[in-house]
Amino acid sequence: MCGIAGCFGIDDTQTITRMLDAMPHRGPDDRGIFQHGAAVLGHTRLSIVDVARGHQPILADNGRAGIICNGEIYNFQALRDRLTADYTFATHSDSEVILHLYRQKGPHCVHDLDGMFAFALFDGDNFMLARDPVGIKPLYYGHLHDRLYFSSELGAMSLAGLDQVHEFPCGHYYTPSEGFVPYYQVPPPAQRPMVDVSEAGRRIRDTLDRSVTKRLLSDPRIQVGAFCSGGLDSSLIAAIAAQQIPYLHTFAVGMRDAAGKESDDLKAGRRVAAHIGSDHHEYIFTEEEYYEVLPLVIRTLETYDPALVRCAVPCYFTCKLAARYVTVVLTGEGADELFAGYHYMKRLSPDALNQEVQRLVAGVHNINLQRADRMGMHFSLELRVPFFDTAMIDLAMRIAPDLKIRAVNGAKVEKWILRKAFEGSGLIPDDILWRYKVQYTQGAGCEDLGERLAEREISDEEMARIRKAHPAAVINSKEAAYYFKIFRRYHPQDSLLPSIGIWTGFDFDEEREKISGTMKDAATAT
C-alpha cells in the first residue's frame, strides 16, 4: 500500500516532492520520483509484494514507460504468466504487471485487473490514470490551466494551488484522448433474483472463501491479520482466514463504563478468537483518550461527517493496535451494504431494498472505504475488504431482497441470508452468527461521546454562524459543526469541500435500537 502523487503537462518536481512529504505515513519503506518530459510521477511505498525490488516508479523501455500504483492486484501472477513471453520484467511486483498489460492492450487493461488500485502510467507521450471498481483506494485530481495534478489524499492536493479538487470517480480510467471512461458499474438488482435459500447460501460461502483467500496475498515476510470485533462480518472473515493462517493475529477494541463493565465488542471478540484459535489482541481506550485523538482522527479522515468520525475513532485505535503486529489486515467492511445490515433498511419495500444496496455500494468510496483507508494508512497498515470483491457484489445483487431481510417471529432480521449461509458450519459460534446488529461505536461503547462533547462546546448561535459562513458544507447538527471547526484547522481550502463524502443513509435513533429477544431464537423458529 502506498501514496502516489504526480502531474502531467508540466515538470513540477518541486510541488510533487512537497505532496509526497505530506504523505509519509502511506509509504514509510521507500520513496521514488521520476520526471519524463512534461510529467512527474512520485511514490511513497509500503512494501508488501516483492519487498526487496519493488521500488516505484517502475520503468520500462529505457525509461520511456513507467507506472506508479497504490494497491494490490490479486491476479497478477496469472497475468504475468501471460505476458512473460512478450515483455521483460524487472521486478516481481504486482504493479509492474499493469504497465506491461497496458502496453499490450491499452487502457482496456483495466478490465483484466482483479484488485484494489489507483495508478498513473505513461508510455511515450500517452498517459493514463485509473481507479478500482468500487474505490477502495483513493485518488484525487485537479486542473491548473492545461496541467493535471493528482494524489492519494486531499491534504496533498491542497499543496498544488488548485482552484478546484475532485475525487477521481471509481470504476473509471482517464486518458487525454478519451477523457473519463467508465469500465465498471455496480450491477442493478436482478430482474429474476435468486430465491432458493440453499443455492444462495452455497454461493455466498464459496464466493466469500475465494475472496478471503486471494486477499492473503503478500510477501512471505509480511504478517496478515484480521479485525475481530465479535460482530458477524469481521468474525466470518477472521474465521475463514484462520483456516489458512495458523495463529492468525486478531484485534478488537472497546471501552469500560463507569461501573467497569466492558463493551460488547470486547467480550464477543474474545469469544470468536477462542473459537477460531487466533492470537487475539485487545485495547481498552478511555473517554479521555477518545477526546485526545479526535482532532487527529478528523484531520486524517479528511471529512467532518459525524457518522464517519464516530466510527473512525474506534477504527483508529484498532489500526493502532494492529500495526504493532501486522502490515496487512482483513476487515468485514461491505457486508452491511451488500446484505442489508443497516436497521433503517428494514423500513424499505422489497422493490426498494436492492436499489438501496446498489446506491450504497456505488457511494461507499468516499464514505466507509475512505475511513478504512485513512485510518489504516495513518499507521502504515493496509486494510483489505473481502466483501467488496466484485464477484461478491455481483452475487449480492442477484439475491432476492426478502432473503436479506426476513421477518422471523414478528422481528425483521437483517443480513439473514448471510447468517443462514453459515448456520451449522461451526465456523463461528451460533450466538455470534445471530448476534444483533449494532453500530461499530455502540459495540465499542463510545457511540455518543462526540455528540455530548459538541453539545457542550457549540452554542445554537455558533452553529448558525458556521452554517451561514460555509453554505457548501453539510452541517445539520452541533456535532457536525464541531467537527467542521476542527476539519477547517487542517483543511482550510474551500476547493476541497465538494469532494467530502457525507453519510445520508443512517437514522441514528433507529441504529441505536436493539432487536428485541435474541436472533438465535428467531432463527430456530425457521
Protein backbone atom coordinates (compact mmCIF):
# COMPACT_ATOMS: atom_id res chain seq x y z
CA MET A 1 0.00 0.00 0.00
CA CYS A 2 1.34 3.35 -0.96
CA GLY A 3 0.84 7.00 -1.70
CA ILE A 4 1.05 8.42 -5.20
CA ALA A 5 1.32 11.98 -6.49
CA GLY A 6 2.15 13.43 -9.86
CA CYS A 7 1.42 15.84 -12.65
CA PHE A 8 1.09 15.78 -16.41
CA GLY A 9 1.64 18.79 -18.61
CA ILE A 10 4.45 20.36 -16.58
CA ASP A 11 7.73 19.41 -14.97
CA ASP A 12 6.78 20.46 -11.44
CA THR A 13 9.06 18.23 -9.41
CA GLN A 14 9.10 20.69 -6.54
CA THR A 15 5.34 20.52 -5.96
CA ILE A 16 5.22 16.74 -6.31
CA THR A 17 8.03 16.45 -3.76
CA ARG A 18 6.01 18.55 -1.32
CA MET A 19 2.93 16.39 -1.96
CA LEU A 20 4.94 13.27 -1.13
CA ASP A 21 6.22 14.99 2.01
CA ALA A 22 2.57 15.28 3.12
CA MET A 23 2.02 11.50 2.90
CA PRO A 24 4.96 9.73 4.60
CA HIS A 25 2.53 7.51 6.53
CA ARG A 26 1.31 5.95 3.28
CA GLY A 27 4.76 4.66 2.40
CA PRO A 28 7.41 4.54 5.12
CA ASP A 29 9.58 1.89 3.43
CA ASP A 30 10.69 3.61 0.22
CA ARG A 31 10.24 6.70 -1.92
CA GLY A 32 10.79 7.46 -5.59
CA ILE A 33 10.22 10.26 -8.06
CA PHE A 34 10.73 10.32 -11.84
CA GLN A 35 10.45 13.09 -14.39
CA HIS A 36 9.64 12.25 -18.02
CA GLY A 37 9.26 15.21 -20.35
CA ALA A 38 6.38 17.35 -19.08
CA ALA A 39 5.38 14.83 -16.43
CA VAL A 40 6.41 13.87 -12.91
CA LEU A 41 5.47 10.67 -11.05
CA GLY A 42 6.06 10.34 -7.31
CA HIS A 43 5.56 7.39 -4.98
CA THR A 44 5.89 6.50 -1.29
CA ARG A 45 5.93 2.77 -0.66
CA LEU A 46 4.64 0.38 1.97
CA SER A 47 6.35 -2.83 0.86
CA ILE A 48 4.07 -5.88 0.70
CA VAL A 49 4.79 -7.70 -2.59
CA ASP A 50 8.41 -8.03 -3.80
CA VAL A 51 9.71 -6.23 -0.73
CA ALA A 52 13.30 -6.17 -1.96
CA ARG A 53 12.91 -4.99 -5.57
CA GLY A 54 9.51 -3.36 -5.94
CA HIS A 55 10.76 0.25 -5.94
CA GLN A 56 8.49 2.70 -7.77
CA PRO A 57 8.13 4.33 -10.22
CA ILE A 58 8.65 1.10 -12.14
CA LEU A 59 10.14 1.87 -15.55
CA ALA A 60 10.36 0.03 -18.85
CA ASP A 61 11.67 0.61 -22.36
CA ASN A 62 14.71 2.50 -21.05
CA GLY A 63 12.57 4.95 -19.12
CA ARG A 64 10.13 5.71 -21.93
CA ALA A 65 7.32 4.00 -19.99
CA GLY A 66 6.56 3.88 -16.28
CA ILE A 67 3.95 3.41 -13.57
CA ILE A 68 3.14 4.35 -10.00
CA CYS A 69 0.43 2.36 -8.24
CA ASN A 70 -1.28 2.29 -4.87
CA GLY A 71 -2.94 -1.05 -4.29
CA GLU A 72 -2.78 -4.78 -4.79
CA ILE A 73 -3.54 -6.83 -7.92
CA TYR A 74 -4.65 -10.24 -6.68
CA ASN A 75 -4.46 -11.99 -10.05
CA PHE A 76 -1.10 -10.52 -11.00
CA GLN A 77 0.70 -13.88 -11.19
CA ALA A 78 -1.73 -15.23 -13.79
CA LEU A 79 -1.41 -12.00 -15.77
CA ARG A 80 2.36 -12.09 -15.50
CA ASP A 81 2.45 -15.65 -16.83
CA ARG A 82 0.54 -14.46 -19.91
CA LEU A 83 2.90 -11.55 -20.51
CA THR A 84 6.36 -13.00 -19.91
CA ALA A 85 6.76 -14.23 -23.49
CA ASP A 86 6.48 -10.68 -24.85
CA TYR A 87 7.75 -8.43 -22.05
CA THR A 88 10.80 -8.38 -19.81
CA PHE A 89 10.00 -7.90 -16.11
CA ALA A 90 12.44 -6.03 -13.89
CA THR A 91 10.64 -6.90 -10.62
CA HIS A 92 8.20 -9.37 -9.12
CA SER A 93 5.87 -6.52 -8.15
CA ASP A 94 2.19 -6.84 -8.95
CA SER A 95 2.23 -3.20 -10.12
CA GLU A 96 4.62 -3.92 -12.98
CA VAL A 97 2.05 -6.27 -14.49
CA ILE A 98 -0.27 -3.29 -15.09
CA LEU A 99 2.38 -1.43 -17.08
CA HIS A 100 3.06 -4.30 -19.48
CA LEU A 101 -0.63 -5.15 -19.74
CA TYR A 102 -1.24 -1.55 -20.78
CA ARG A 103 1.50 -1.78 -23.40
CA GLN A 104 -0.26 -4.85 -24.79
CA LYS A 105 -3.92 -3.79 -24.56
CA GLY A 106 -4.02 -0.05 -23.93
CA PRO A 107 -6.49 1.44 -21.43
CA HIS A 108 -8.72 -1.62 -21.69
CA CYS A 109 -6.16 -3.40 -19.49
CA VAL A 110 -8.30 -2.36 -16.50
CA HIS A 111 -10.88 -4.98 -17.41
CA ASP A 112 -8.32 -7.71 -16.63
CA LEU A 113 -7.34 -6.42 -13.19
CA ASP A 114 -8.72 -8.07 -10.07
CA GLY A 115 -7.78 -5.96 -7.10
CA MET A 116 -7.85 -2.57 -5.41
CA PHE A 117 -5.82 0.13 -7.08
CA ALA A 118 -5.23 3.72 -8.07
CA PHE A 119 -2.48 4.15 -10.62
CA ALA A 120 -0.91 6.53 -13.12
CA LEU A 121 1.28 5.45 -16.02
CA PHE A 122 2.89 6.83 -19.13
CA ASP A 123 4.06 5.19 -22.33
CA GLY A 124 5.86 7.64 -24.55
CA ASP A 125 3.58 10.66 -24.93
CA ASN A 126 0.47 8.77 -23.77
CA PHE A 127 -0.66 8.60 -20.17
CA MET A 128 -3.48 7.09 -18.15
CA LEU A 129 -4.97 7.22 -14.66
CA ALA A 130 -7.39 4.66 -13.23
CA ARG A 131 -9.17 3.71 -10.01
CA ASP A 132 -10.52 0.33 -8.92
CA PRO A 133 -14.19 -0.63 -9.45
CA VAL A 134 -15.64 0.48 -6.09
CA GLY A 135 -12.99 2.98 -4.98
CA ILE A 136 -11.21 1.02 -2.27
CA LYS A 137 -8.05 3.01 -2.95
CA PRO A 138 -8.29 6.82 -3.06
CA LEU A 139 -7.38 9.18 -5.90
CA TYR A 140 -7.96 12.92 -6.34
CA TYR A 141 -7.20 15.24 -9.22
CA GLY A 142 -7.36 18.87 -10.27
CA HIS A 143 -6.51 21.02 -13.28
CA LEU A 144 -4.46 24.18 -13.39
CA HIS A 145 -4.75 25.56 -16.91
CA ASP A 146 -3.73 22.59 -19.09
CA ARG A 147 -1.87 20.82 -16.29
CA LEU A 148 -3.24 17.84 -14.40
CA TYR A 149 -2.25 17.14 -10.78
CA PHE A 150 -3.25 14.06 -8.79
CA SER A 151 -2.57 12.36 -5.46
CA SER A 152 -3.85 9.85 -2.93
CA GLU A 153 -5.06 12.35 -0.34
CA LEU A 154 -6.88 15.67 -0.19
CA GLY A 155 -4.26 17.18 2.10
CA ALA A 156 -1.57 16.61 -0.51
CA MET A 157 -3.77 18.06 -3.24
CA SER A 158 -4.10 21.31 -1.31
CA LEU A 159 -0.38 21.92 -1.90
CA ALA A 160 -0.83 22.18 -5.67
CA GLY A 161 -2.61 25.55 -5.55
CA LEU A 162 -5.71 24.37 -7.41
CA ASP A 163 -8.99 26.26 -7.58
CA GLN A 164 -10.95 23.00 -7.53
CA VAL A 165 -10.16 19.48 -6.40
CA HIS A 166 -12.19 16.49 -7.48
CA GLU A 167 -12.41 12.90 -6.40
CA PHE A 168 -11.40 10.62 -9.26
CA PRO A 169 -14.50 8.51 -9.97
CA CYS A 170 -14.23 4.86 -9.03
CA GLY A 171 -14.61 2.31 -11.82
CA HIS A 172 -13.19 4.80 -14.35
CA TYR A 173 -10.00 5.39 -16.27
CA TYR A 174 -8.81 8.62 -17.82
CA THR A 175 -6.73 9.36 -20.93
CA PRO A 176 -6.26 12.75 -22.63
CA SER A 177 -7.88 11.50 -25.83
CA GLU A 178 -10.92 9.80 -24.28
CA GLY A 179 -11.42 11.73 -21.06
CA PHE A 180 -13.12 9.79 -18.23
CA VAL A 181 -14.32 6.37 -19.32
CA PRO A 182 -16.42 4.11 -17.04
CA TYR A 183 -15.33 0.48 -17.12
CA TYR A 184 -17.32 -0.83 -14.14
CA GLN A 185 -20.68 -0.03 -12.63
CA VAL A 186 -22.41 -1.69 -9.69
CA PRO A 187 -24.88 -4.05 -11.35
CA PRO A 188 -28.58 -3.28 -10.97
CA PRO A 189 -30.86 -5.62 -8.99
CA ALA A 190 -31.55 -8.84 -10.90
CA GLN A 191 -34.90 -8.92 -12.71
CA ARG A 192 -35.30 -12.55 -11.66
CA PRO A 193 -33.46 -12.73 -8.34
CA MET A 194 -32.20 -15.86 -6.64
CA VAL A 195 -34.81 -17.10 -4.16
CA ASP A 196 -33.55 -20.58 -3.25
CA VAL A 197 -32.00 -20.42 0.23
CA SER A 198 -29.70 -23.42 -0.26
CA GLU A 199 -28.32 -22.17 -3.56
CA ALA A 200 -27.81 -18.64 -2.27
CA GLY A 201 -26.08 -19.93 0.85
CA ARG A 202 -23.74 -22.20 -1.11
CA ARG A 203 -22.75 -19.40 -3.47
CA ILE A 204 -22.14 -16.99 -0.59
CA ARG A 205 -19.87 -19.50 1.16
CA ASP A 206 -17.88 -20.29 -1.98
CA THR A 207 -17.53 -16.68 -3.09
CA LEU A 208 -16.52 -15.37 0.32
CA ASP A 209 -13.97 -18.16 0.77
CA ARG A 210 -12.32 -17.29 -2.56
CA SER A 211 -12.47 -13.59 -1.77
CA VAL A 212 -10.69 -14.00 1.56
CA THR A 213 -8.12 -16.43 0.15
CA LYS A 214 -6.96 -14.11 -2.62
CA ARG A 215 -6.53 -11.30 -0.08
CA LEU A 216 -3.99 -13.29 1.88
CA LEU A 217 -1.52 -12.43 -0.91
CA SER A 218 1.72 -10.92 0.41
CA ASP A 219 5.45 -11.41 0.57
CA PRO A 220 6.24 -14.35 2.92
CA ARG A 221 7.87 -11.90 5.33
CA ILE A 222 4.65 -9.86 5.71
CA GLN A 223 2.24 -10.67 8.55
CA VAL A 224 -1.50 -10.72 7.76
CA GLY A 225 -4.14 -10.30 10.48
CA ALA A 226 -7.88 -9.62 10.83
CA PHE A 227 -10.16 -7.33 12.75
CA CYS A 228 -12.38 -9.30 15.11
CA SER A 229 -14.91 -7.14 16.93
CA GLY A 230 -17.21 -10.10 17.54
CA GLY A 231 -19.77 -8.86 15.04
CA LEU A 232 -20.98 -11.14 12.25
CA ASP A 233 -18.96 -9.60 9.42
CA SER A 234 -15.46 -9.42 10.87
CA SER A 235 -15.95 -12.76 12.65
CA LEU A 236 -16.68 -14.57 9.37
CA ILE A 237 -13.67 -13.02 7.66
CA ALA A 238 -11.36 -13.80 10.58
CA ALA A 239 -12.62 -17.38 10.83
CA ILE A 240 -12.05 -18.08 7.11
CA ALA A 241 -8.57 -16.55 7.28
CA ALA A 242 -7.74 -18.57 10.40
CA GLN A 243 -8.31 -21.76 8.44
CA GLN A 244 -5.30 -20.85 6.29
CA ILE A 245 -3.10 -18.86 8.68
CA PRO A 246 -2.17 -20.67 11.91
CA TYR A 247 -2.29 -18.39 14.96
CA LEU A 248 -3.82 -15.56 12.96
CA HIS A 249 -3.49 -12.21 14.73
CA THR A 250 -6.92 -10.73 15.51
CA PHE A 251 -7.81 -7.37 17.02
CA ALA A 252 -10.64 -5.75 18.98
CA VAL A 253 -11.03 -2.51 20.92
CA GLY A 254 -13.60 -1.06 23.28
CA MET A 255 -14.27 0.82 26.49
CA ARG A 256 -15.34 0.15 30.06
CA ASP A 257 -18.24 2.08 31.55
CA ALA A 258 -18.16 3.83 34.92
CA ALA A 259 -19.06 0.59 36.66
CA GLY A 260 -16.17 -1.23 34.98
CA LYS A 261 -18.37 -3.17 32.58
CA GLU A 262 -16.65 -3.95 29.28
CA SER A 263 -18.20 -3.02 25.94
CA ASP A 264 -19.93 -5.74 23.93
CA ASP A 265 -17.27 -5.96 21.22
CA LEU A 266 -14.52 -6.86 23.67
CA LYS A 267 -16.47 -9.78 25.08
CA ALA A 268 -17.75 -11.01 21.72
CA GLY A 269 -14.35 -10.65 20.04
CA ARG A 270 -12.76 -12.73 22.78
CA ARG A 271 -15.33 -15.46 22.24
CA VAL A 272 -14.72 -15.60 18.49
CA ALA A 273 -10.94 -15.62 18.92
CA ALA A 274 -11.13 -18.56 21.31
CA HIS A 275 -13.35 -20.43 18.85
CA ILE A 276 -11.08 -19.93 15.81
CA GLY A 277 -7.82 -20.26 17.74
CA SER A 278 -6.38 -16.87 16.85
CA ASP A 279 -3.69 -14.89 18.64
CA HIS A 280 -6.04 -12.21 19.93
CA HIS A 281 -5.12 -8.66 20.95
CA GLU A 282 -7.25 -6.06 22.71
CA TYR A 283 -7.01 -2.42 23.57
CA ILE A 284 -9.31 -0.69 26.08
CA PHE A 285 -9.40 3.04 25.48
CA THR A 286 -10.74 5.69 27.84
CA GLU A 287 -13.04 8.64 27.34
CA GLU A 288 -10.05 10.93 27.79
CA GLU A 289 -8.16 9.13 25.03
CA TYR A 290 -11.19 9.40 22.76
CA TYR A 291 -11.27 13.19 23.11
CA GLU A 292 -7.49 13.43 22.83
CA VAL A 293 -7.30 11.70 19.43
CA LEU A 294 -10.49 13.24 18.00
CA PRO A 295 -8.75 16.19 16.24
CA LEU A 296 -6.11 13.89 14.77
CA VAL A 297 -8.77 11.49 13.56
CA ILE A 298 -10.68 14.29 11.81
CA ARG A 299 -7.50 15.63 10.21
CA THR A 300 -6.53 12.16 9.00
CA LEU A 301 -10.03 11.16 7.94
CA GLU A 302 -10.36 14.27 5.74
CA THR A 303 -14.04 14.70 6.49
CA TYR A 304 -16.23 16.22 9.20
CA ASP A 305 -19.25 13.93 8.73
CA PRO A 306 -20.46 12.77 12.18
CA ALA A 307 -21.30 9.21 11.10
CA LEU A 308 -17.81 8.71 9.72
CA VAL A 309 -16.00 10.43 12.55
CA ARG A 310 -17.86 8.37 15.15
CA CYS A 311 -16.79 5.13 13.51
CA ALA A 312 -13.30 6.39 12.70
CA VAL A 313 -12.26 6.80 16.34
CA PRO A 314 -12.56 3.12 17.36
CA CYS A 315 -11.16 2.24 13.92
CA TYR A 316 -8.17 4.46 14.73
CA PHE A 317 -7.50 2.57 17.94
CA THR A 318 -7.94 -0.79 16.21
CA CYS A 319 -5.49 0.14 13.46
CA LYS A 320 -3.01 1.46 16.00
CA LEU A 321 -3.20 -1.86 17.83
CA ALA A 322 -2.97 -3.98 14.67
CA ALA A 323 0.03 -2.09 13.29
CA ARG A 324 2.11 -3.33 16.22
CA TYR A 325 1.82 -6.89 14.92
CA VAL A 326 0.93 -6.97 11.20
CA THR A 327 1.24 -4.99 7.96
CA VAL A 328 -1.96 -6.25 6.30
CA VAL A 329 -5.33 -6.72 7.99
CA LEU A 330 -8.66 -8.06 6.71
CA THR A 331 -11.88 -6.30 7.67
CA GLY A 332 -15.61 -7.03 7.49
CA GLU A 333 -16.35 -3.80 5.63
CA GLY A 334 -19.08 -4.19 2.99
CA ALA A 335 -21.40 -6.82 4.41
CA ASP A 336 -23.86 -4.21 5.70
CA GLU A 337 -24.07 -2.59 2.28
CA LEU A 338 -24.41 -5.83 0.30
CA PHE A 339 -26.69 -7.80 2.60
CA ALA A 340 -28.84 -5.00 4.06
CA GLY A 341 -27.31 -4.74 7.51
CA TYR A 342 -28.44 -1.24 8.47
CA HIS A 343 -31.57 -1.05 10.58
CA TYR A 344 -33.14 1.75 8.52
CA MET A 345 -33.27 -0.67 5.58
CA LYS A 346 -35.94 -2.68 7.39
CA ARG A 347 -38.38 0.08 6.54
CA LEU A 348 -37.82 -0.25 2.80
CA SER A 349 -40.08 -2.20 0.48
CA PRO A 350 -38.61 -5.30 -1.23
CA ASP A 351 -38.52 -3.43 -4.53
CA ALA A 352 -36.57 -0.55 -2.98
CA LEU A 353 -34.18 -2.64 -0.89
CA ASN A 354 -31.77 -3.84 -3.58
CA GLN A 355 -31.91 -0.42 -5.22
CA GLU A 356 -30.67 0.99 -1.91
CA VAL A 357 -27.98 -1.69 -1.82
CA GLN A 358 -26.87 -0.59 -5.29
CA ARG A 359 -26.82 3.07 -4.19
CA LEU A 360 -24.79 2.34 -1.07
CA VAL A 361 -22.15 0.31 -2.86
CA ALA A 362 -21.84 2.92 -5.61
CA GLY A 363 -21.33 5.65 -2.99
CA VAL A 364 -19.14 3.90 -0.43
CA HIS A 365 -15.84 5.10 -1.97
CA ASN A 366 -15.71 8.38 -0.04
CA ILE A 367 -17.63 7.15 2.99
CA ASN A 368 -16.72 3.92 4.77
CA LEU A 369 -13.92 3.00 2.37
CA GLN A 370 -12.32 6.39 2.92
CA ARG A 371 -12.50 5.82 6.67
CA ALA A 372 -10.84 2.41 6.34
CA ASP A 373 -8.11 3.72 4.05
CA ARG A 374 -7.21 6.80 6.08
CA MET A 375 -7.21 5.15 9.50
CA GLY A 376 -5.18 2.20 8.25
CA MET A 377 -2.65 4.20 6.26
CA HIS A 378 -2.12 6.61 9.16
CA PHE A 379 -0.37 3.66 10.80
CA SER A 380 1.09 2.33 7.51
CA LEU A 381 -1.37 -0.54 7.70
CA GLU A 382 -3.06 -1.99 4.62
CA LEU A 383 -6.74 -2.82 5.08
CA ARG A 384 -8.30 -5.35 2.70
CA VAL A 385 -12.05 -5.75 2.27
CA PRO A 386 -13.15 -9.21 1.02
CA PHE A 387 -16.87 -8.38 0.94
CA PHE A 388 -16.18 -5.72 -1.71
CA ASP A 389 -14.82 -8.24 -4.18
CA THR A 390 -16.64 -7.64 -7.48
CA ALA A 391 -17.76 -11.28 -7.59
CA MET A 392 -19.39 -10.84 -4.17
CA ILE A 393 -21.05 -7.61 -5.30
CA ASP A 394 -22.41 -9.29 -8.43
CA LEU A 395 -23.74 -12.19 -6.36
CA ALA A 396 -25.38 -9.91 -3.78
CA MET A 397 -27.24 -8.04 -6.50
CA ARG A 398 -28.71 -11.35 -7.73
CA ILE A 399 -30.08 -12.40 -4.32
CA ALA A 400 -33.74 -11.67 -3.59
CA PRO A 401 -34.29 -8.84 -1.09
CA ASP A 402 -36.54 -10.96 1.14
CA LEU A 403 -33.56 -13.24 1.76
CA LYS A 404 -31.52 -10.31 3.02
CA ILE A 405 -34.10 -9.01 5.50
CA ARG A 406 -36.54 -11.67 6.66
CA ALA A 407 -39.34 -11.44 9.19
CA VAL A 408 -38.98 -14.14 11.84
CA ASN A 409 -41.40 -14.35 14.78
CA GLY A 410 -42.53 -10.80 14.08
CA ALA A 411 -39.00 -9.35 14.04
CA LYS A 412 -37.10 -8.36 10.90
CA VAL A 413 -33.64 -9.94 10.85
CA GLU A 414 -31.01 -8.08 8.81
CA LYS A 415 -28.35 -9.97 6.78
CA TRP A 416 -30.50 -13.08 7.21
CA ILE A 417 -29.14 -15.00 4.21
CA LEU A 418 -25.52 -14.27 5.18
CA ARG A 419 -26.20 -15.70 8.62
CA LYS A 420 -28.16 -18.63 7.21
CA ALA A 421 -25.35 -19.45 4.76
CA PHE A 422 -23.01 -20.32 7.62
CA GLU A 423 -25.54 -21.83 10.02
CA GLY A 424 -24.41 -25.28 11.13
CA SER A 425 -20.93 -24.82 9.65
CA GLY A 426 -19.24 -24.40 13.02
CA LEU A 427 -17.17 -21.60 11.53
CA ILE A 428 -18.15 -19.17 14.29
CA PRO A 429 -20.28 -19.66 17.44
CA ASP A 430 -24.04 -19.65 16.83
CA ASP A 431 -24.64 -16.78 19.25
CA ILE A 432 -22.18 -14.66 17.26
CA LEU A 433 -23.70 -15.76 13.96
CA TRP A 434 -27.10 -14.48 15.11
CA ARG A 435 -25.84 -11.57 17.22
CA TYR A 436 -27.93 -8.43 16.77
CA LYS A 437 -26.54 -5.69 14.57
CA VAL A 438 -25.03 -2.72 16.40
CA GLN A 439 -23.08 0.27 15.21
CA TYR A 440 -19.31 -0.03 15.43
CA THR A 441 -19.42 2.78 18.01
CA GLN A 442 -22.17 1.12 20.02
CA GLY A 443 -20.27 -2.15 20.19
CA ALA A 444 -17.13 -0.32 21.26
CA GLY A 445 -19.06 1.67 23.87
CA CYS A 446 -18.38 5.18 22.55
CA GLU A 447 -21.39 5.99 20.37
CA ASP A 448 -22.44 9.30 21.93
CA LEU A 449 -19.17 10.77 23.22
CA GLY A 450 -18.70 13.19 20.32
CA GLU A 451 -22.32 14.27 20.41
CA ARG A 452 -22.13 15.06 24.12
CA LEU A 453 -18.89 17.00 23.62
CA ALA A 454 -20.39 19.06 20.80
CA GLU A 455 -23.42 19.95 22.90
CA ARG A 456 -21.06 21.44 25.48
CA GLU A 457 -18.80 23.23 23.00
CA ILE A 458 -21.15 24.58 20.30
CA SER A 459 -23.97 27.03 21.00
CA ASP A 460 -27.00 27.45 18.76
CA GLU A 461 -25.66 30.83 17.69
CA GLU A 462 -22.24 29.49 16.74
CA MET A 463 -23.76 26.65 14.76
CA ALA A 464 -25.87 29.15 12.83
CA ARG A 465 -22.77 31.29 12.12
CA ILE A 466 -20.82 28.30 10.84
CA ARG A 467 -23.63 27.21 8.56
CA LYS A 468 -24.06 30.71 7.15
CA ALA A 469 -20.34 31.18 6.56
CA HIS A 470 -19.94 27.83 4.78
CA PRO A 471 -23.01 27.14 2.63
CA ALA A 472 -21.16 24.46 0.66
CA ALA A 473 -20.68 22.37 3.82
CA VAL A 474 -23.33 19.92 5.08
CA ILE A 475 -23.84 20.92 8.72
CA ASN A 476 -27.11 19.69 10.19
CA SER A 477 -26.16 19.20 13.85
CA LYS A 478 -23.93 20.67 16.53
CA GLU A 479 -21.76 17.59 16.24
CA ALA A 480 -21.20 18.30 12.53
CA ALA A 481 -20.45 21.95 13.32
CA TYR A 482 -17.92 20.99 15.99
CA TYR A 483 -16.16 18.53 13.71
CA PHE A 484 -16.22 21.06 10.86
CA LYS A 485 -14.38 23.60 13.03
CA ILE A 486 -11.65 21.04 13.65
CA PHE A 487 -11.58 20.00 9.99
CA ARG A 488 -11.03 23.59 8.87
CA ARG A 489 -7.95 23.96 11.05
CA TYR A 490 -6.17 21.42 8.91
CA HIS A 491 -8.03 21.74 5.58
CA PRO A 492 -8.98 25.41 5.13
CA GLN A 493 -9.31 25.27 1.31
CA ASP A 494 -12.89 25.64 0.10
CA SER A 495 -11.85 23.76 -3.05
CA LEU A 496 -11.81 20.52 -1.04
CA LEU A 497 -15.42 20.66 0.18
CA PRO A 498 -17.12 19.18 -2.92
CA SER A 499 -15.02 16.03 -2.52
CA ILE A 500 -16.15 15.38 1.07
CA GLY A 501 -18.36 12.32 1.47
CA ILE A 502 -21.45 12.66 3.68
CA TRP A 503 -23.33 9.65 5.07
CA THR A 504 -27.03 10.15 4.33
CA GLY A 505 -28.24 6.62 4.95
CA PHE A 506 -28.14 6.43 8.74
CA ASP A 507 -31.03 7.13 11.06
CA PHE A 508 -29.16 7.25 14.38
CA ASP A 509 -32.24 6.74 16.53
CA GLU A 510 -33.05 3.63 14.54
CA GLU A 511 -29.44 2.46 14.63
CA ARG A 512 -29.42 2.62 18.41
CA GLU A 513 -32.33 0.29 18.87
CA LYS A 514 -31.61 -3.33 19.58
CA ILE A 515 -33.60 -6.14 18.15
CA SER A 516 -35.86 -7.48 20.89
CA GLY A 517 -35.20 -11.02 22.01
CA THR A 518 -32.31 -12.98 20.56
CA MET A 519 -31.76 -13.67 16.94
CA LYS A 520 -30.93 -17.23 17.73
CA ASP A 521 -34.46 -17.84 18.95
CA ALA A 522 -35.88 -16.24 15.83
CA ALA A 523 -33.63 -18.29 13.58
CA THR A 524 -34.52 -21.52 15.32
CA ALA A 525 -38.17 -20.85 14.50
CA THR A 526 -37.33 -21.07 10.79
